[in-house]
Amino acid sequence: MLLLVFCAFLSSVYYYVEAFRWGMNARMWALAGLLMGPFLLPLFSIQRHVQWRRAAGFNNLVIQA
């Protein structure tokens, strides 16, 4: 039980930092990470990609260094 709480806490911290880096709502993702833990990772990855595509545009080429 303690392991699940610790895993949810670490997931919450991870989602907070990554959401802050990508300009997303960090508090919302931290709370969702605390409640759902690592099961939220696919949804977070998709949302990050959607936000990046909205910012960069769908017909633009972006080369990351």
Protein backbone atom coordinates (compact mmCIF):
# COMPACT_ATOMS: atom_id res chain seq x y z
CA MET A 1 0.00 0.00 0.00
CA LEU A 2 2.82 2.36 0.89
CA LEU A 3 4.49 1.57 -2.42
CA LEU A 4 1.38 2.65 -4.35
CA VAL A 5 1.20 5.95 -2.47
CA PHE A 6 4.90 6.58 -3.10
CA CYS A 7 4.49 5.75 -6.81
CA ALA A 8 1.52 8.13 -7.09
CA PHE A 9 3.51 10.88 -5.37
CA LEU A 10 6.46 10.43 -7.75
CA SER A 11 4.10 10.44 -10.72
CA SER A 12 2.53 13.64 -9.46
CA VAL A 13 5.93 15.34 -9.24
CA TYR A 14 6.88 14.08 -12.71
CA TYR A 15 3.65 15.33 -14.30
CA TYR A 16 3.98 18.69 -12.55
CA VAL A 17 7.51 19.27 -13.82
CA GLU A 18 6.79 18.09 -17.36
CA ALA A 19 3.56 20.07 -17.62
CA PHE A 20 5.38 23.17 -16.39
CA ARG A 21 8.12 22.65 -18.98
CA TRP A 22 5.60 22.28 -21.82
CA GLY A 23 3.43 25.22 -20.73
CA MET A 24 0.46 23.13 -19.68
CA ASN A 25 -1.68 23.49 -16.56
CA ALA A 26 0.80 22.06 -14.05
CA ARG A 27 -1.50 21.96 -11.02
CA MET A 28 -4.16 20.02 -12.88
CA TRP A 29 -1.68 17.44 -14.13
CA ALA A 30 -0.10 17.11 -10.69
CA LEU A 31 -3.49 16.44 -9.11
CA ALA A 32 -4.40 13.97 -11.84
CA GLY A 33 -1.03 12.25 -11.36
CA LEU A 34 -1.65 12.01 -7.64
CA LEU A 35 -5.03 10.40 -8.22
CA MET A 36 -4.20 8.10 -11.14
CA GLY A 37 -0.45 7.57 -10.81
CA PRO A 38 1.52 6.19 -13.74
CA PHE A 39 -1.65 5.08 -15.56
CA LEU A 40 -1.99 8.67 -16.77
CA LEU A 41 1.17 8.57 -18.89
CA PRO A 42 -0.48 7.72 -22.26
CA LEU A 43 -3.03 10.51 -21.84
CA PHE A 44 -0.31 12.97 -20.81
CA SER A 45 1.83 12.07 -23.82
CA ILE A 46 -1.06 12.51 -26.23
CA GLN A 47 -2.08 15.84 -24.69
CA ARG A 48 1.50 17.10 -24.87
CA HIS A 49 1.69 16.15 -28.55
CA VAL A 50 -1.65 17.81 -29.33
CA GLN A 51 -0.57 21.01 -27.62
CA TRP A 52 2.73 21.00 -29.50
CA ARG A 53 0.92 20.53 -32.82
CA ARG A 54 -1.46 23.40 -32.03
CA ALA A 55 1.46 25.70 -31.23
CA ALA A 56 3.61 24.67 -34.20
CA GLY A 57 0.82 24.21 -36.71
CA PHE A 58 -0.18 21.10 -38.56
CA ASN A 59 1.45 21.91 -41.89
CA ASN A 60 4.75 23.22 -40.55
CA LEU A 61 8.02 21.38 -40.31
CA VAL A 62 9.76 21.63 -36.93
CA ILE A 63 13.30 20.31 -36.57
CA GLN A 64 14.40 19.88 -32.97
CA ALA A 65 18.08 20.08 -32.14
